[in-house]
Structures are given as C-alpha cells and as structure tokens.
C-alpha cells in the first residue's frame, strides 16, 4: 500500500513551457512538489535539502523524496521535479522502490512494507531547507539522524516512545510517537499521513534532526523512510558517517 502520494492530471504542456524558463528558487519544506515524467505527474511534499559529500564525486545539494513519488511498479519514472508554480526544482538522480507484485506471498508483502521507498533529486539552484514553518513557530533542522545499524531483517525498539513530527502538503504539521524501526523504516502512531504528504520531512522535535521522509501508512501506523539509509544506499556513505557527510543546506 502506497497511499500518501497524489496522482494529478497530465501536465506535460505546462512543464514543457516551464522548462524554457530559468530555474527559480526551489520549494521549501512542506510545499507542493510535482514529480514529472512524460504526460504524468505526482503531487507530493517537498523534502529536506542536504549538502552531501559524495565519495568520489563533487559535493551536491540533494533533496530527498519518496520513491513512489518518482516511479511505480508499471515502469513509469519521473525525470524532473517542479514547484506548484511550474518552476523546475531539479533532476531525478537515484530512485529505489521495493516491488509490489500482485498475488505475491506474505514474504513479498513484508518486503514491500519494510523495503526501500526513496528517491533523490539534484537541486538546480542554491535552495536551502534548514527551517520548517509550523503553527507553533519555526523549527530549525540541525542534521540527519544516524541510527545504530540494523540487519535488513532486524526489528529494533530502541526508539520506542520517542517523539516524531512531520510536515505534509495535505495534513500540515503533526506530531506522534515512534514505535519501532528497521533498516529502512521508522514506524509511528499519531502523524496521520494522507495522500499528498509523501516525501515530507519527519524529524525529532527535541533535537531538530531529520529522521526521514513520509512514505505510507497502515491505518493508524505510519511508516517513515529513514534518511540515513537513503544516503548510505544512494551515495555509499558509511554507516556512522552520515551525520558529518550530509549537512542541512543553508
């Protein structure tokens, strides 16, 4: 189940026109993010923008978003992302999405609901994403939470009871409680994900650290794709080094 992105009408003509215009400033966390490929687009939420030291490559400004905002099981894939005004934000760089095979066994369901669901965007300009505007005031993001490593089949409860907040295009700013985590995911209650929230920042309100991005919900339980796993798998950052190699872009 991937229920927190929103399919929009075809926008090829609008985006083609926008592509002729020099890039404007990128969207800020919590605003609409349109991922576009061919004649199809998905309406998601802008995620965190990080300055990432990529091994063997130049440092780059990277936005994190949900994998299902950028591809699907039928083979569609976005090539660029835009703001709601039509200004280009950047180009899709890497994407990973656990397969959803109809009629597959319980093992397949577990893989889909615990597996990778992320994409990265090479941001065109000097966009920053250090501050989230919430009804309770601005929240300054301080970095990326670098979790103790777990095996791909391990479940850890070392985060149980910790707070978690999110910003989403549809449901805005909400907070809840972490339940447990796996390599790719933090599971929580109380965030109330809804279609359009996918890709939005999830963070620890005590420290300002980015936990990850909204990907899906199972009733009252939400799933957050962890940011450290994205950066490790996408760019080869070593576990334990994510917090220093990936800084919130200012």
C-alpha atoms as a PDB file:
ATOM      1  CA  UNK A   1       0.000   0.000   0.000  1.00  0.00           C
ATOM      2  CA  UNK A   2       1.381   3.334  -1.020  1.00  0.00           C
ATOM      3  CA  UNK A   3      -1.348   5.753  -0.075  1.00  0.00           C
ATOM      4  CA  UNK A   4       0.267   9.088   0.598  1.00  0.00           C
ATOM      5  CA  UNK A   5       1.167  10.408  -2.842  1.00  0.00           C
ATOM      6  CA  UNK A   6      -1.453  12.013  -5.049  1.00  0.00           C
ATOM      7  CA  UNK A   7      -1.794  11.472  -8.804  1.00  0.00           C
ATOM      8  CA  UNK A   8      -2.546  14.680 -10.670  1.00  0.00           C
ATOM      9  CA  UNK A   9      -3.750  15.385 -14.195  1.00  0.00           C
ATOM     10  CA  UNK A  10      -1.331  15.407 -17.124  1.00  0.00           C
ATOM     11  CA  UNK A  11       0.895  18.465 -17.018  1.00  0.00           C
ATOM     12  CA  UNK A  12       3.250  17.880 -19.934  1.00  0.00           C
ATOM     13  CA  UNK A  13       2.377  21.127 -21.712  1.00  0.00           C
ATOM     14  CA  UNK A  14       2.775  23.245 -18.590  1.00  0.00           C
ATOM     15  CA  UNK A  15       6.067  21.645 -17.630  1.00  0.00           C
ATOM     16  CA  UNK A  16       7.443  21.856 -21.143  1.00  0.00           C
ATOM     17  CA  UNK A  17       6.809  25.589 -21.077  1.00  0.00           C
ATOM     18  CA  UNK A  18       8.327  25.868 -17.626  1.00  0.00           C
ATOM     19  CA  UNK A  19      11.453  24.088 -18.818  1.00  0.00           C
ATOM     20  CA  UNK A  20      12.166  27.063 -21.085  1.00  0.00           C
ATOM     21  CA  UNK A  21      12.308  29.375 -18.077  1.00  0.00           C
ATOM     22  CA  UNK A  22      15.491  29.594 -15.977  1.00  0.00           C
ATOM     23  CA  UNK A  23      15.126  27.770 -12.653  1.00  0.00           C
ATOM     24  CA  UNK A  24      13.562  29.799  -9.874  1.00  0.00           C
ATOM     25  CA  UNK A  25      14.207  29.256  -6.200  1.00  0.00           C
ATOM     26  CA  UNK A  26      13.310  25.750  -5.115  1.00  0.00           C
ATOM     27  CA  UNK A  27      10.360  24.875  -2.955  1.00  0.00           C
ATOM     28  CA  UNK A  28      10.743  24.931   0.793  1.00  0.00           C
ATOM     29  CA  UNK A  29       9.929  22.025   3.144  1.00  0.00           C
ATOM     30  CA  UNK A  30       6.208  21.304   3.326  1.00  0.00           C
ATOM     31  CA  UNK A  31       5.297  22.877  -0.017  1.00  0.00           C
ATOM     32  CA  UNK A  32       3.983  21.016  -3.057  1.00  0.00           C
ATOM     33  CA  UNK A  33       6.480  19.050  -5.132  1.00  0.00           C
ATOM     34  CA  UNK A  34       5.455  17.805  -8.578  1.00  0.00           C
ATOM     35  CA  UNK A  35       7.416  14.860  -9.965  1.00  0.00           C
ATOM     36  CA  UNK A  36       7.010  14.765 -13.723  1.00  0.00           C
ATOM     37  CA  UNK A  37       7.705  12.124 -16.353  1.00  0.00           C
ATOM     38  CA  UNK A  38       6.122  12.168 -19.806  1.00  0.00           C
ATOM     39  CA  UNK A  39       2.437  13.089 -19.531  1.00  0.00           C
ATOM     40  CA  UNK A  40       2.091  12.090 -15.898  1.00  0.00           C
ATOM     41  CA  UNK A  41       2.895  13.775 -12.623  1.00  0.00           C
ATOM     42  CA  UNK A  42       2.543  13.045  -8.925  1.00  0.00           C
ATOM     43  CA  UNK A  43       1.763  15.623  -6.271  1.00  0.00           C
ATOM     44  CA  UNK A  44       3.926  15.090  -3.178  1.00  0.00           C
ATOM     45  CA  UNK A  45       5.552  17.185  -0.441  1.00  0.00           C
ATOM     46  CA  UNK A  46       8.981  18.816  -0.690  1.00  0.00           C
ATOM     47  CA  UNK A  47      11.514  17.014   1.474  1.00  0.00           C
ATOM     48  CA  UNK A  48      14.778  18.032   3.120  1.00  0.00           C
ATOM     49  CA  UNK A  49      17.568  19.668   1.117  1.00  0.00           C
ATOM     50  CA  UNK A  50      21.032  18.496   2.130  1.00  0.00           C
ATOM     51  CA  UNK A  51      24.579  19.323   1.141  1.00  0.00           C
ATOM     52  CA  UNK A  52      26.027  15.849   0.603  1.00  0.00           C
ATOM     53  CA  UNK A  53      29.702  14.941   0.342  1.00  0.00           C
ATOM     54  CA  UNK A  54      29.504  12.088  -2.160  1.00  0.00           C
ATOM     55  CA  UNK A  55      32.540   9.768  -2.213  1.00  0.00           C
ATOM     56  CA  UNK A  56      34.399  10.213  -5.493  1.00  0.00           C
ATOM     57  CA  UNK A  57      32.028  12.946  -6.685  1.00  0.00           C
ATOM     58  CA  UNK A  58      31.577  16.675  -6.080  1.00  0.00           C
ATOM     59  CA  UNK A  59      29.535  17.785  -3.089  1.00  0.00           C
ATOM     60  CA  UNK A  60      25.956  18.369  -4.233  1.00  0.00           C
ATOM     61  CA  UNK A  61      22.683  19.783  -2.970  1.00  0.00           C
ATOM     62  CA  UNK A  62      20.273  16.869  -2.739  1.00  0.00           C
ATOM     63  CA  UNK A  63      16.567  16.803  -1.958  1.00  0.00           C
ATOM     64  CA  UNK A  64      15.145  13.574  -0.546  1.00  0.00           C
ATOM     65  CA  UNK A  65      11.689  12.383  -1.555  1.00  0.00           C
ATOM     66  CA  UNK A  66       9.664   9.181  -1.617  1.00  0.00           C
ATOM     67  CA  UNK A  67      10.453   6.568  -4.244  1.00  0.00           C
ATOM     68  CA  UNK A  68       6.787   6.100  -5.116  1.00  0.00           C
ATOM     69  CA  UNK A  69       6.672   9.823  -5.949  1.00  0.00           C
ATOM     70  CA  UNK A  70       9.211   9.150  -8.711  1.00  0.00           C
ATOM     71  CA  UNK A  71       8.431   5.679 -10.074  1.00  0.00           C
ATOM     72  CA  UNK A  72       5.852   2.900  -9.938  1.00  0.00           C
ATOM     73  CA  UNK A  73       5.524  -0.846 -10.405  1.00  0.00           C
ATOM     74  CA  UNK A  74       4.367  -0.402 -14.014  1.00  0.00           C
ATOM     75  CA  UNK A  75       7.658   1.148 -15.109  1.00  0.00           C
ATOM     76  CA  UNK A  76       6.808   4.860 -15.119  1.00  0.00           C
ATOM     77  CA  UNK A  77       9.606   7.086 -13.857  1.00  0.00           C
ATOM     78  CA  UNK A  78       9.887  10.825 -13.352  1.00  0.00           C
ATOM     79  CA  UNK A  79      12.811  12.725 -14.823  1.00  0.00           C
ATOM     80  CA  UNK A  80      12.462  16.081 -13.050  1.00  0.00           C
ATOM     81  CA  UNK A  81      10.601  17.776 -10.219  1.00  0.00           C
ATOM     82  CA  UNK A  82       8.844  21.144 -10.143  1.00  0.00           C
ATOM     83  CA  UNK A  83       7.241  23.525  -7.707  1.00  0.00           C
ATOM     84  CA  UNK A  84       3.493  24.116  -7.843  1.00  0.00           C
ATOM     85  CA  UNK A  85       4.191  27.321  -9.800  1.00  0.00           C
ATOM     86  CA  UNK A  86       5.888  25.317 -12.562  1.00  0.00           C
ATOM     87  CA  UNK A  87       9.462  26.318 -11.704  1.00  0.00           C
ATOM     88  CA  UNK A  88      11.889  23.441 -12.062  1.00  0.00           C
ATOM     89  CA  UNK A  89      13.470  22.306  -8.786  1.00  0.00           C
ATOM     90  CA  UNK A  90      15.911  19.719 -10.095  1.00  0.00           C
ATOM     91  CA  UNK A  91      16.516  16.434 -11.895  1.00  0.00           C
ATOM     92  CA  UNK A  92      15.840  12.982 -10.540  1.00  0.00           C
ATOM     93  CA  UNK A  93      19.151  11.385  -9.586  1.00  0.00           C
ATOM     94  CA  UNK A  94      18.565   7.998  -7.960  1.00  0.00           C
ATOM     95  CA  UNK A  95      15.469   6.013  -7.043  1.00  0.00           C
ATOM     96  CA  UNK A  96      14.747   2.769  -5.218  1.00  0.00           C
ATOM     97  CA  UNK A  97      11.322   1.278  -4.575  1.00  0.00           C
ATOM     98  CA  UNK A  98      10.576  -2.189  -3.198  1.00  0.00           C
ATOM     99  CA  UNK A  99       8.476  -4.093  -5.720  1.00  0.00           C
ATOM    100  CA  UNK A 100       4.767  -4.682  -5.255  1.00  0.00           C
ATOM    101  CA  UNK A 101       3.900  -7.941  -7.033  1.00  0.00           C
ATOM    102  CA  UNK A 102       0.145  -8.690  -7.170  1.00  0.00           C
ATOM    103  CA  UNK A 103      -0.736 -12.047  -5.652  1.00  0.00           C
ATOM    104  CA  UNK A 104       2.643 -12.464  -4.002  1.00  0.00           C
ATOM    105  CA  UNK A 105       3.039 -14.227  -0.666  1.00  0.00           C
ATOM    106  CA  UNK A 106       3.401 -12.780   2.805  1.00  0.00           C
ATOM    107  CA  UNK A 107       7.147 -12.533   2.253  1.00  0.00           C
ATOM    108  CA  UNK A 108       6.533 -10.175  -0.647  1.00  0.00           C
ATOM    109  CA  UNK A 109       4.178  -8.035   1.417  1.00  0.00           C
ATOM    110  CA  UNK A 110       6.762  -7.775   4.187  1.00  0.00           C
ATOM    111  CA  UNK A 111       9.422  -6.772   1.675  1.00  0.00           C
ATOM    112  CA  UNK A 112       7.187  -4.049   0.242  1.00  0.00           C
ATOM    113  CA  UNK A 113       6.204  -2.642   3.632  1.00  0.00           C
ATOM    114  CA  UNK A 114       9.708  -2.634   5.106  1.00  0.00           C
ATOM    115  CA  UNK A 115      11.807  -2.102   1.985  1.00  0.00           C
ATOM    116  CA  UNK A 116      13.281   0.965   0.346  1.00  0.00           C
ATOM    117  CA  UNK A 117      10.976   3.771  -0.811  1.00  0.00           C
ATOM    118  CA  UNK A 118      13.154   6.730  -1.731  1.00  0.00           C
ATOM    119  CA  UNK A 119      14.399   8.988  -4.491  1.00  0.00           C
ATOM    120  CA  UNK A 120      16.997  11.748  -4.607  1.00  0.00           C
ATOM    121  CA  UNK A 121      16.889  14.966  -6.618  1.00  0.00           C
ATOM    122  CA  UNK A 122      19.883  17.022  -7.759  1.00  0.00           C
ATOM    123  CA  UNK A 123      18.663  20.516  -6.919  1.00  0.00           C
ATOM    124  CA  UNK A 124      19.234  23.107  -9.660  1.00  0.00           C
ATOM    125  CA  UNK A 125      19.920  26.158  -7.518  1.00  0.00           C
ATOM    126  CA  UNK A 126      21.167  27.067  -4.071  1.00  0.00           C
ATOM    127  CA  UNK A 127      17.947  26.108  -2.326  1.00  0.00           C
ATOM    128  CA  UNK A 128      18.050  25.658   1.407  1.00  0.00           C
ATOM    129  CA  UNK A 129      15.796  23.702   3.682  1.00  0.00           C
ATOM    130  CA  UNK A 130      17.029  24.497   7.163  1.00  0.00           C
ATOM    131  CA  UNK A 131      13.783  25.825   8.642  1.00  0.00           C
ATOM    132  CA  UNK A 132      10.261  24.394   8.802  1.00  0.00           C
ATOM    133  CA  UNK A 133       7.422  26.873   9.269  1.00  0.00           C
ATOM    134  CA  UNK A 134       4.888  25.351  11.682  1.00  0.00           C
ATOM    135  CA  UNK A 135       1.846  26.743  13.536  1.00  0.00           C
ATOM    136  CA  UNK A 136       3.941  26.599  16.701  1.00  0.00           C
ATOM    137  CA  UNK A 137       6.786  28.602  15.177  1.00  0.00           C
ATOM    138  CA  UNK A 138       9.835  27.923  13.058  1.00  0.00           C
ATOM    139  CA  UNK A 139      11.708  24.661  13.572  1.00  0.00           C
ATOM    140  CA  UNK A 140      15.402  24.651  12.697  1.00  0.00           C
ATOM    141  CA  UNK A 141      16.647  21.396  11.231  1.00  0.00           C
ATOM    142  CA  UNK A 142      20.060  20.520  12.632  1.00  0.00           C
ATOM    143  CA  UNK A 143      21.198  17.453  10.694  1.00  0.00           C
ATOM    144  CA  UNK A 144      20.426  13.841   9.842  1.00  0.00           C
ATOM    145  CA  UNK A 145      19.734  11.187  12.488  1.00  0.00           C
ATOM    146  CA  UNK A 146      22.353   8.452  12.014  1.00  0.00           C
ATOM    147  CA  UNK A 147      20.868   5.331  13.565  1.00  0.00           C
ATOM    148  CA  UNK A 148      22.714   2.377  15.008  1.00  0.00           C
ATOM    149  CA  UNK A 149      22.944  -0.117  12.140  1.00  0.00           C
ATOM    150  CA  UNK A 150      20.425  -2.946  11.949  1.00  0.00           C
ATOM    151  CA  UNK A 151      20.309  -6.007   9.747  1.00  0.00           C
ATOM    152  CA  UNK A 152      17.847  -5.995   6.864  1.00  0.00           C
ATOM    153  CA  UNK A 153      15.568  -8.379   8.801  1.00  0.00           C
ATOM    154  CA  UNK A 154      16.129  -6.915  12.269  1.00  0.00           C
ATOM    155  CA  UNK A 155      13.499  -5.006  14.241  1.00  0.00           C
ATOM    156  CA  UNK A 156      14.746  -2.570  16.886  1.00  0.00           C
ATOM    157  CA  UNK A 157      12.720  -0.994  19.690  1.00  0.00           C
ATOM    158  CA  UNK A 158      15.464   1.383  20.850  1.00  0.00           C
ATOM    159  CA  UNK A 159      13.394   4.331  19.580  1.00  0.00           C
ATOM    160  CA  UNK A 160      10.086   3.262  21.164  1.00  0.00           C
ATOM    161  CA  UNK A 161       8.368   6.185  22.867  1.00  0.00           C
ATOM    162  CA  UNK A 162      10.494   8.867  21.216  1.00  0.00           C
ATOM    163  CA  UNK A 163       8.614  11.803  19.660  1.00  0.00           C
ATOM    164  CA  UNK A 164       8.386  12.369  15.916  1.00  0.00           C
ATOM    165  CA  UNK A 165       6.852  15.238  13.927  1.00  0.00           C
ATOM    166  CA  UNK A 166       6.178  15.733  10.241  1.00  0.00           C
ATOM    167  CA  UNK A 167       5.189  18.403   7.742  1.00  0.00           C
ATOM    168  CA  UNK A 168       2.883  17.445   4.876  1.00  0.00           C
ATOM    169  CA  UNK A 169       1.147  19.186   1.996  1.00  0.00           C
ATOM    170  CA  UNK A 170      -2.249  17.735   2.908  1.00  0.00           C
ATOM    171  CA  UNK A 171      -2.292  17.382   6.690  1.00  0.00           C
ATOM    172  CA  UNK A 172       0.237  20.024   7.686  1.00  0.00           C
ATOM    173  CA  UNK A 173       2.303  19.772  10.856  1.00  0.00           C
ATOM    174  CA  UNK A 174       1.535  16.905  13.235  1.00  0.00           C
ATOM    175  CA  UNK A 175       3.433  15.015  15.920  1.00  0.00           C
ATOM    176  CA  UNK A 176       3.266  11.460  17.213  1.00  0.00           C
ATOM    177  CA  UNK A 177       5.193   8.685  18.907  1.00  0.00           C
ATOM    178  CA  UNK A 178       7.783   6.304  17.473  1.00  0.00           C
ATOM    179  CA  UNK A 179       7.042   2.594  17.898  1.00  0.00           C
ATOM    180  CA  UNK A 180       9.952   0.637  16.398  1.00  0.00           C
ATOM    181  CA  UNK A 181      12.311   0.688  13.447  1.00  0.00           C
ATOM    182  CA  UNK A 182      14.012  -1.432  10.788  1.00  0.00           C
ATOM    183  CA  UNK A 183      16.876  -0.673   8.406  1.00  0.00           C
ATOM    184  CA  UNK A 184      14.723   1.404   6.045  1.00  0.00           C
ATOM    185  CA  UNK A 185      11.873   2.436   8.281  1.00  0.00           C
ATOM    186  CA  UNK A 186      10.652   4.100  11.447  1.00  0.00           C
ATOM    187  CA  UNK A 187       7.084   3.180  12.383  1.00  0.00           C
ATOM    188  CA  UNK A 188       4.990   5.569  14.464  1.00  0.00           C
ATOM    189  CA  UNK A 189       1.486   6.482  15.585  1.00  0.00           C
ATOM    190  CA  UNK A 190      -0.271   9.830  15.618  1.00  0.00           C
ATOM    191  CA  UNK A 191       1.150  11.505  12.496  1.00  0.00           C
ATOM    192  CA  UNK A 192      -1.975  10.973  10.375  1.00  0.00           C
ATOM    193  CA  UNK A 193      -0.414  10.675   6.913  1.00  0.00           C
ATOM    194  CA  UNK A 194      -2.746  11.354   3.963  1.00  0.00           C
ATOM    195  CA  UNK A 195      -2.424  11.460   0.150  1.00  0.00           C
ATOM    196  CA  UNK A 196      -0.085  14.289  -0.856  1.00  0.00           C
ATOM    197  CA  UNK A 197       2.079  14.060   2.288  1.00  0.00           C
ATOM    198  CA  UNK A 198       4.612  11.671   0.712  1.00  0.00           C
ATOM    199  CA  UNK A 199       8.196  12.897   0.719  1.00  0.00           C
ATOM    200  CA  UNK A 200       7.661  15.390   3.533  1.00  0.00           C
ATOM    201  CA  UNK A 201      10.177  15.758   6.343  1.00  0.00           C
ATOM    202  CA  UNK A 202       9.846  13.691   9.518  1.00  0.00           C
ATOM    203  CA  UNK A 203      12.022  14.955  12.364  1.00  0.00           C
ATOM    204  CA  UNK A 204      12.780  14.718  16.080  1.00  0.00           C
ATOM    205  CA  UNK A 205      11.285  17.810  17.777  1.00  0.00           C
ATOM    206  CA  UNK A 206      13.769  17.576  20.653  1.00  0.00           C
ATOM    207  CA  UNK A 207      16.902  17.844  18.513  1.00  0.00           C
ATOM    208  CA  UNK A 208      15.775  19.076  15.091  1.00  0.00           C
ATOM    209  CA  UNK A 209      17.380  16.020  13.469  1.00  0.00           C
ATOM    210  CA  UNK A 210      15.851  14.722  10.243  1.00  0.00           C
ATOM    211  CA  UNK A 211      14.590  11.184  10.817  1.00  0.00           C
ATOM    212  CA  UNK A 212      13.413  10.635   7.265  1.00  0.00           C
ATOM    213  CA  UNK A 213      10.514  11.204   4.890  1.00  0.00           C
ATOM    214  CA  UNK A 214       6.843  10.224   4.812  1.00  0.00           C
ATOM    215  CA  UNK A 215       6.130   7.153   2.692  1.00  0.00           C
ATOM    216  CA  UNK A 216       2.935   5.346   3.741  1.00  0.00           C
ATOM    217  CA  UNK A 217       0.507   4.393   6.465  1.00  0.00           C
ATOM    218  CA  UNK A 218      -1.253   1.242   7.646  1.00  0.00           C
ATOM    219  CA  UNK A 219      -4.320   2.521   9.455  1.00  0.00           C
ATOM    220  CA  UNK A 220      -3.065   4.457  12.473  1.00  0.00           C
ATOM    221  CA  UNK A 221       0.544   3.357  11.957  1.00  0.00           C
ATOM    222  CA  UNK A 222       2.756   5.484   9.726  1.00  0.00           C
ATOM    223  CA  UNK A 223       5.993   4.486   8.021  1.00  0.00           C
ATOM    224  CA  UNK A 224       8.921   6.856   7.601  1.00  0.00           C
ATOM    225  CA  UNK A 225      11.761   6.024   5.208  1.00  0.00           C
ATOM    226  CA  UNK A 226      14.935   6.742   7.176  1.00  0.00           C
ATOM    227  CA  UNK A 227      17.224   9.416   5.742  1.00  0.00           C
ATOM    228  CA  UNK A 228      20.449   7.706   6.801  1.00  0.00           C
ATOM    229  CA  UNK A 229      19.547   4.553   4.862  1.00  0.00           C
ATOM    230  CA  UNK A 230      18.803   6.659   1.760  1.00  0.00           C
ATOM    231  CA  UNK A 231      22.193   8.360   1.873  1.00  0.00           C
ATOM    232  CA  UNK A 232      24.080   5.160   2.607  1.00  0.00           C
ATOM    233  CA  UNK A 233      22.461   3.270  -0.269  1.00  0.00           C
ATOM    234  CA  UNK A 234      22.308   6.123  -2.801  1.00  0.00           C
ATOM    235  CA  UNK A 235      25.797   7.559  -2.353  1.00  0.00           C
ATOM    236  CA  UNK A 236      27.819   4.952  -0.500  1.00  0.00           C
ATOM    237  CA  UNK A 237      28.156   6.910   2.724  1.00  0.00           C
ATOM    238  CA  UNK A 238      29.484   4.714   5.500  1.00  0.00           C
ATOM    239  CA  UNK A 239      27.287   3.959   8.470  1.00  0.00           C
ATOM    240  CA  UNK A 240      28.246   6.301  11.277  1.00  0.00           C
ATOM    241  CA  UNK A 241      29.464   8.981   8.846  1.00  0.00           C
ATOM    242  CA  UNK A 242      26.120  10.193   7.510  1.00  0.00           C
ATOM    243  CA  UNK A 243      25.742  12.942  10.102  1.00  0.00           C
ATOM    244  CA  UNK A 244      29.036  14.551   9.065  1.00  0.00           C
ATOM    245  CA  UNK A 245      28.859  13.906   5.304  1.00  0.00           C
ATOM    246  CA  UNK A 246      25.293  15.209   4.908  1.00  0.00           C
ATOM    247  CA  UNK A 247      24.538  18.658   6.304  1.00  0.00           C
ATOM    248  CA  UNK A 248      21.294  20.607   6.161  1.00  0.00           C
ATOM    249  CA  UNK A 249      21.635  23.082   3.286  1.00  0.00           C
ATOM    250  CA  UNK A 250      21.652  26.729   4.379  1.00  0.00           C
END
